[in-house]
PDB file of all heavy atoms in Angstrom:
ATOM      1  N   ASP A   1      89.514 198.312  88.632  1.00  0.00           N
ATOM      2  CA  ASP A   1      90.907 197.881  88.650  1.00  0.00           C
ATOM      3  C   ASP A   1      91.047 196.410  89.013  1.00  0.00           C
ATOM      4  O   ASP A   1      91.991 195.746  88.570  1.00  0.00           O
ATOM      5  CB  ASP A   1      91.690 198.693  89.708  1.00  0.00           C
ATOM      6  CG  ASP A   1      91.544 200.171  89.501  1.00  0.00           C
ATOM      7  OD1 ASP A   1      91.936 200.656  88.428  1.00  0.00           O
ATOM      8  OD2 ASP A   1      91.029 200.857  90.411  1.00  0.00           O
ATOM      9  N   VAL A   2      90.149 195.937  89.866  1.00  0.00           N
ATOM     10  CA  VAL A   2      90.324 194.638  90.504  1.00  0.00           C
ATOM     11  C   VAL A   2      89.009 193.862  90.484  1.00  0.00           C
ATOM     12  O   VAL A   2      87.959 194.443  90.660  1.00  0.00           O
ATOM     13  CB  VAL A   2      90.769 194.818  91.984  1.00  0.00           C
ATOM     14  CG1 VAL A   2      90.904 193.498  92.693  1.00  0.00           C
ATOM     15  CG2 VAL A   2      92.062 195.599  92.092  1.00  0.00           C
ATOM     16  N   ILE A   3      89.116 192.544  90.311  1.00  0.00           N
ATOM     17  CA  ILE A   3      87.968 191.669  90.489  1.00  0.00           C
ATOM     18  C   ILE A   3      88.205 190.876  91.786  1.00  0.00           C
ATOM     19  O   ILE A   3      89.254 190.258  91.951  1.00  0.00           O
ATOM     20  CB  ILE A   3      87.819 190.700  89.290  1.00  0.00           C
ATOM     21  CG1 ILE A   3      87.410 191.457  88.049  1.00  0.00           C
ATOM     22  CG2 ILE A   3      86.805 189.607  89.634  1.00  0.00           C
ATOM     23  CD1 ILE A   3      87.354 190.622  86.791  1.00  0.00           C
ATOM     24  N   ALA A   4      87.233 190.919  92.643  1.00  0.00           N
ATOM     25  CA  ALA A   4      87.252 190.116  93.867  1.00  0.00           C
ATOM     26  C   ALA A   4      86.295 188.947  93.659  1.00  0.00           C
ATOM     27  O   ALA A   4      85.087 189.126  93.576  1.00  0.00           O
ATOM     28  CB  ALA A   4      86.826 190.952  95.081  1.00  0.00           C
ATOM     29  N   ALA A   5      86.864 187.748  93.552  1.00  0.00           N
ATOM     30  CA  ALA A   5      86.078 186.554  93.300  1.00  0.00           C
ATOM     31  C   ALA A   5      85.879 185.792  94.604  1.00  0.00           C
ATOM     32  O   ALA A   5      86.843 185.576  95.356  1.00  0.00           O
ATOM     33  CB  ALA A   5      86.789 185.655  92.274  1.00  0.00           C
ATOM     34  N   VAL A   6      84.644 185.415  94.880  1.00  0.00           N
ATOM     35  CA  VAL A   6      84.267 184.796  96.145  1.00  0.00           C
ATOM     36  C   VAL A   6      84.325 183.270  96.037  1.00  0.00           C
ATOM     37  O   VAL A   6      83.815 182.694  95.057  1.00  0.00           O
ATOM     38  CB  VAL A   6      82.868 185.262  96.578  1.00  0.00           C
ATOM     39  CG1 VAL A   6      82.474 184.627  97.897  1.00  0.00           C
ATOM     40  CG2 VAL A   6      82.825 186.792  96.680  1.00  0.00           C
ATOM     41  N   GLU A   7      84.945 182.654  97.027  1.00  0.00           N
ATOM     42  CA  GLU A   7      85.100 181.189  97.076  1.00  0.00           C
ATOM     43  C   GLU A   7      83.761 180.487  97.022  1.00  0.00           C
ATOM     44  O   GLU A   7      82.819 180.928  97.679  1.00  0.00           O
ATOM     45  CB  GLU A   7      85.822 180.795  98.383  1.00  0.00           C
ATOM     46  CG  GLU A   7      86.102 179.334  98.440  1.00  0.00           C
ATOM     47  CD  GLU A   7      87.128 178.958  99.516  1.00  0.00           C
ATOM     48  OE1 GLU A   7      87.874 179.792  99.984  1.00  0.00           O
ATOM     49  OE2 GLU A   7      87.143 177.772  99.847  1.00  0.00           O
ATOM     50  N   SER A   8      83.679 179.434  96.386  1.00  0.00           N
ATOM     51  CA  SER A   8      84.656 178.959  95.432  1.00  0.00           C
ATOM     52  C   SER A   8      84.146 179.117  94.005  1.00  0.00           C
ATOM     53  O   SER A   8      84.946 179.235  93.071  1.00  0.00           O
ATOM     54  CB  SER A   8      84.993 177.478  95.700  1.00  0.00           C
ATOM     55  OG  SER A   8      83.873 176.665  95.514  1.00  0.00           O
ATOM     56  N   ARG A   9      82.858 179.123  93.840  1.00  0.00           N
ATOM     57  CA  ARG A   9      82.333 179.197  92.469  1.00  0.00           C
ATOM     58  C   ARG A   9      82.530 180.557  91.827  1.00  0.00           C
ATOM     59  O   ARG A   9      82.532 180.666  90.600  1.00  0.00           O
ATOM     60  CB  ARG A   9      80.891 178.715  92.417  1.00  0.00           C
ATOM     61  CG  ARG A   9      80.787 177.217  92.721  1.00  0.00           C
ATOM     62  CD  ARG A   9      79.375 176.706  92.741  1.00  0.00           C
ATOM     63  NE  ARG A   9      78.526 177.384  93.680  1.00  0.00           N
ATOM     64  CZ  ARG A   9      78.295 176.982  94.920  1.00  0.00           C
ATOM     65  NH1 ARG A   9      78.867 175.903  95.402  1.00  0.00           N
ATOM     66  NH2 ARG A   9      77.502 177.682  95.709  1.00  0.00           N
ATOM     67  N   GLY A  10      82.719 181.581  92.623  1.00  0.00           N
ATOM     68  CA  GLY A  10      83.056 182.870  92.056  1.00  0.00           C
ATOM     69  C   GLY A  10      84.398 182.846  91.349  1.00  0.00           C
ATOM     70  O   GLY A  10      84.611 183.601  90.377  1.00  0.00           O
ATOM     71  N   PHE A  11      85.299 181.950  91.784  1.00  0.00           N
ATOM     72  CA  PHE A  11      86.613 181.817  91.133  1.00  0.00           C
ATOM     73  C   PHE A  11      86.434 181.358  89.688  1.00  0.00           C
ATOM     74  O   PHE A  11      87.187 181.764  88.799  1.00  0.00           O
ATOM     75  CB  PHE A  11      87.486 180.779  91.838  1.00  0.00           C
ATOM     76  CG  PHE A  11      87.833 181.042  93.280  1.00  0.00           C
ATOM     77  CD1 PHE A  11      88.492 180.084  94.001  1.00  0.00           C
ATOM     78  CD2 PHE A  11      87.514 182.232  93.913  1.00  0.00           C
ATOM     79  CE1 PHE A  11      88.826 180.297  95.315  1.00  0.00           C
ATOM     80  CE2 PHE A  11      87.844 182.467  95.239  1.00  0.00           C
ATOM     81  CZ  PHE A  11      88.517 181.480  95.941  1.00  0.00           C
ATOM     82  N   LEU A  12      85.441 180.486  89.457  1.00  0.00           N
ATOM     83  CA  LEU A  12      85.236 179.908  88.131  1.00  0.00           C
ATOM     84  C   LEU A  12      84.932 180.971  87.091  1.00  0.00           C
ATOM     85  O   LEU A  12      85.297 180.839  85.935  1.00  0.00           O
ATOM     86  CB  LEU A  12      84.093 178.896  88.180  1.00  0.00           C
ATOM     87  CG  LEU A  12      84.258 177.719  89.118  1.00  0.00           C
ATOM     88  CD1 LEU A  12      82.961 176.923  89.207  1.00  0.00           C
ATOM     89  CD2 LEU A  12      85.411 176.857  88.685  1.00  0.00           C
ATOM     90  N   PHE A  13      84.221 182.002  87.516  1.00  0.00           N
ATOM     91  CA  PHE A  13      83.810 183.049  86.576  1.00  0.00           C
ATOM     92  C   PHE A  13      84.726 184.276  86.653  1.00  0.00           C
ATOM     93  O   PHE A  13      84.983 184.930  85.650  1.00  0.00           O
ATOM     94  CB  PHE A  13      82.345 183.435  86.831  1.00  0.00           C
ATOM     95  CG  PHE A  13      81.433 182.261  86.642  1.00  0.00           C
ATOM     96  CD1 PHE A  13      80.859 181.634  87.734  1.00  0.00           C
ATOM     97  CD2 PHE A  13      81.186 181.763  85.379  1.00  0.00           C
ATOM     98  CE1 PHE A  13      80.039 180.515  87.554  1.00  0.00           C
ATOM     99  CE2 PHE A  13      80.356 180.658  85.191  1.00  0.00           C
ATOM    100  CZ  PHE A  13      79.795 180.022  86.292  1.00  0.00           C
ATOM    101  N   GLY A  14      85.241 184.567  87.837  1.00  0.00           N
ATOM    102  CA  GLY A  14      86.126 185.716  87.989  1.00  0.00           C
ATOM    103  C   GLY A  14      87.426 185.536  87.258  1.00  0.00           C
ATOM    104  O   GLY A  14      87.976 186.485  86.687  1.00  0.00           O
ATOM    105  N   THR A  15      87.959 184.321  87.252  1.00  0.00           N
ATOM    106  CA  THR A  15      89.266 184.079  86.621  1.00  0.00           C
ATOM    107  C   THR A  15      89.261 184.369  85.106  1.00  0.00           C
ATOM    108  O   THR A  15      90.100 185.141  84.644  1.00  0.00           O
ATOM    109  CB  THR A  15      89.754 182.640  86.913  1.00  0.00           C
ATOM    110  OG1 THR A  15      89.872 182.496  88.347  1.00  0.00           O
ATOM    111  CG2 THR A  15      91.074 182.370  86.258  1.00  0.00           C
ATOM    112  N   PRO A  16      88.357 183.779  84.338  1.00  0.00           N
ATOM    113  CA  PRO A  16      88.414 184.098  82.893  1.00  0.00           C
ATOM    114  C   PRO A  16      88.084 185.556  82.587  1.00  0.00           C
ATOM    115  O   PRO A  16      88.616 186.121  81.635  1.00  0.00           O
ATOM    116  CB  PRO A  16      87.404 183.139  82.265  1.00  0.00           C
ATOM    117  CG  PRO A  16      86.508 182.714  83.373  1.00  0.00           C
ATOM    118  CD  PRO A  16      87.319 182.779  84.628  1.00  0.00           C
ATOM    119  N   ILE A  17      87.241 186.159  83.399  1.00  0.00           N
ATOM    120  CA  ILE A  17      86.914 187.571  83.155  1.00  0.00           C
ATOM    121  C   ILE A  17      88.138 188.440  83.444  1.00  0.00           C
ATOM    122  O   ILE A  17      88.475 189.308  82.643  1.00  0.00           O
ATOM    123  CB  ILE A  17      85.701 188.020  83.977  1.00  0.00           C
ATOM    124  CG1 ILE A  17      84.434 187.287  83.471  1.00  0.00           C
ATOM    125  CG2 ILE A  17      85.507 189.542  83.896  1.00  0.00           C
ATOM    126  CD1 ILE A  17      83.216 187.452  84.364  1.00  0.00           C
ATOM    127  N   ALA A  18      88.806 188.201  84.549  1.00  0.00           N
ATOM    128  CA  ALA A  18      90.019 188.974  84.875  1.00  0.00           C
ATOM    129  C   ALA A  18      91.071 188.809  83.771  1.00  0.00           C
ATOM    130  O   ALA A  18      91.703 189.768  83.345  1.00  0.00           O
ATOM    131  CB  ALA A  18      90.580 188.544  86.233  1.00  0.00           C
ATOM    132  N   TYR A  19      91.234 187.572  83.314  1.00  0.00           N
ATOM    133  CA  TYR A  19      92.209 187.297  82.250  1.00  0.00           C
ATOM    134  C   TYR A  19      91.835 188.042  80.968  1.00  0.00           C
ATOM    135  O   TYR A  19      92.645 188.749  80.378  1.00  0.00           O
ATOM    136  CB  TYR A  19      92.269 185.792  81.997  1.00  0.00           C
ATOM    137  CG  TYR A  19      93.196 185.430  80.864  1.00  0.00           C
ATOM    138  CD1 TYR A  19      94.575 185.353  81.036  1.00  0.00           C
ATOM    139  CD2 TYR A  19      92.679 185.189  79.586  1.00  0.00           C
ATOM    140  CE1 TYR A  19      95.417 185.026  79.985  1.00  0.00           C
ATOM    141  CE2 TYR A  19      93.512 184.856  78.534  1.00  0.00           C
ATOM    142  CZ  TYR A  19      94.867 184.769  78.726  1.00  0.00           C
ATOM    143  OH  TYR A  19      95.708 184.471  77.696  1.00  0.00           O
ATOM    144  N   ASN A  20      90.588 187.878  80.540  1.00  0.00           N
ATOM    145  CA  ASN A  20      90.146 188.517  79.283  1.00  0.00           C
ATOM    146  C   ASN A  20      90.163 190.040  79.352  1.00  0.00           C
ATOM    147  O   ASN A  20      90.393 190.703  78.345  1.00  0.00           O
ATOM    148  CB  ASN A  20      88.740 188.043  78.921  1.00  0.00           C
ATOM    149  CG  ASN A  20      88.716 186.625  78.422  1.00  0.00           C
ATOM    150  OD1 ASN A  20      89.716 186.116  77.926  1.00  0.00           O
ATOM    151  ND2 ASN A  20      87.584 185.975  78.560  1.00  0.00           N
ATOM    152  N   GLU A  21      89.890 190.579  80.524  1.00  0.00           N
ATOM    153  CA  GLU A  21      89.808 192.045  80.676  1.00  0.00           C
ATOM    154  C   GLU A  21      91.102 192.660  81.177  1.00  0.00           C
ATOM    155  O   GLU A  21      91.167 193.869  81.420  1.00  0.00           O
ATOM    156  CB  GLU A  21      88.651 192.394  81.639  1.00  0.00           C
ATOM    157  CG  GLU A  21      87.296 191.938  81.166  1.00  0.00           C
ATOM    158  CD  GLU A  21      86.859 192.650  79.879  1.00  0.00           C
ATOM    159  OE1 GLU A  21      86.836 193.903  79.875  1.00  0.00           O
ATOM    160  OE2 GLU A  21      86.529 191.950  78.913  1.00  0.00           O
ATOM    161  N   ASN A  22      92.146 191.824  81.370  1.00  0.00           N
ATOM    162  CA  ASN A  22      93.458 192.287  81.849  1.00  0.00           C
ATOM    163  C   ASN A  22      93.338 193.037  83.166  1.00  0.00           C
ATOM    164  O   ASN A  22      93.868 194.146  83.321  1.00  0.00           O
ATOM    165  CB  ASN A  22      94.170 193.126  80.778  1.00  0.00           C
ATOM    166  CG  ASN A  22      95.632 193.268  81.084  1.00  0.00           C
ATOM    167  OD1 ASN A  22      96.279 192.392  81.622  1.00  0.00           O
ATOM    168  ND2 ASN A  22      96.199 194.416  80.693  1.00  0.00           N
ATOM    169  N   LYS A  23      92.642 192.406  84.131  1.00  0.00           N
ATOM    170  CA  LYS A  23      92.433 192.993  85.453  1.00  0.00           C
ATOM    171  C   LYS A  23      93.055 192.096  86.511  1.00  0.00           C
ATOM    172  O   LYS A  23      93.193 190.880  86.327  1.00  0.00           O
ATOM    173  CB  LYS A  23      90.932 193.164  85.756  1.00  0.00           C
ATOM    174  CG  LYS A  23      90.200 194.053  84.784  1.00  0.00           C
ATOM    175  CD  LYS A  23      90.679 195.502  84.850  1.00  0.00           C
ATOM    176  CE  LYS A  23      89.895 196.372  83.878  1.00  0.00           C
ATOM    177  NZ  LYS A  23      90.321 197.748  83.905  1.00  0.00           N
ATOM    178  N   SER A  24      93.387 192.692  87.636  1.00  0.00           N
ATOM    179  CA  SER A  24      93.852 191.906  88.787  1.00  0.00           C
ATOM    180  C   SER A  24      92.706 191.088  89.342  1.00  0.00           C
ATOM    181  O   SER A  24      91.554 191.497  89.324  1.00  0.00           O
ATOM    182  CB  SER A  24      94.343 192.854  89.889  1.00  0.00           C
ATOM    183  OG  SER A  24      95.446 193.593  89.458  1.00  0.00           O
ATOM    184  N   LEU A  25      93.065 189.914  89.890  1.00  0.00           N
ATOM    185  CA  LEU A  25      92.087 189.039  90.511  1.00  0.00           C
ATOM    186  C   LEU A  25      92.516 188.779  91.942  1.00  0.00           C
ATOM    187  O   LEU A  25      93.666 188.391  92.182  1.00  0.00           O
ATOM    188  CB  LEU A  25      92.001 187.701  89.765  1.00  0.00           C
ATOM    189  CG  LEU A  25      91.072 186.670  90.357  1.00  0.00           C
ATOM    190  CD1 LEU A  25      89.608 187.071  90.136  1.00  0.00           C
ATOM    191  CD2 LEU A  25      91.330 185.296  89.742  1.00  0.00           C
TER     192      LEU A  25
END
């Protein structure tokens, strides 16, 4: 349901994946 992206470089990869997969970030 959710992607938890870890500061700060995790944000770089979590954001496009959450967007593309229509998941919460």
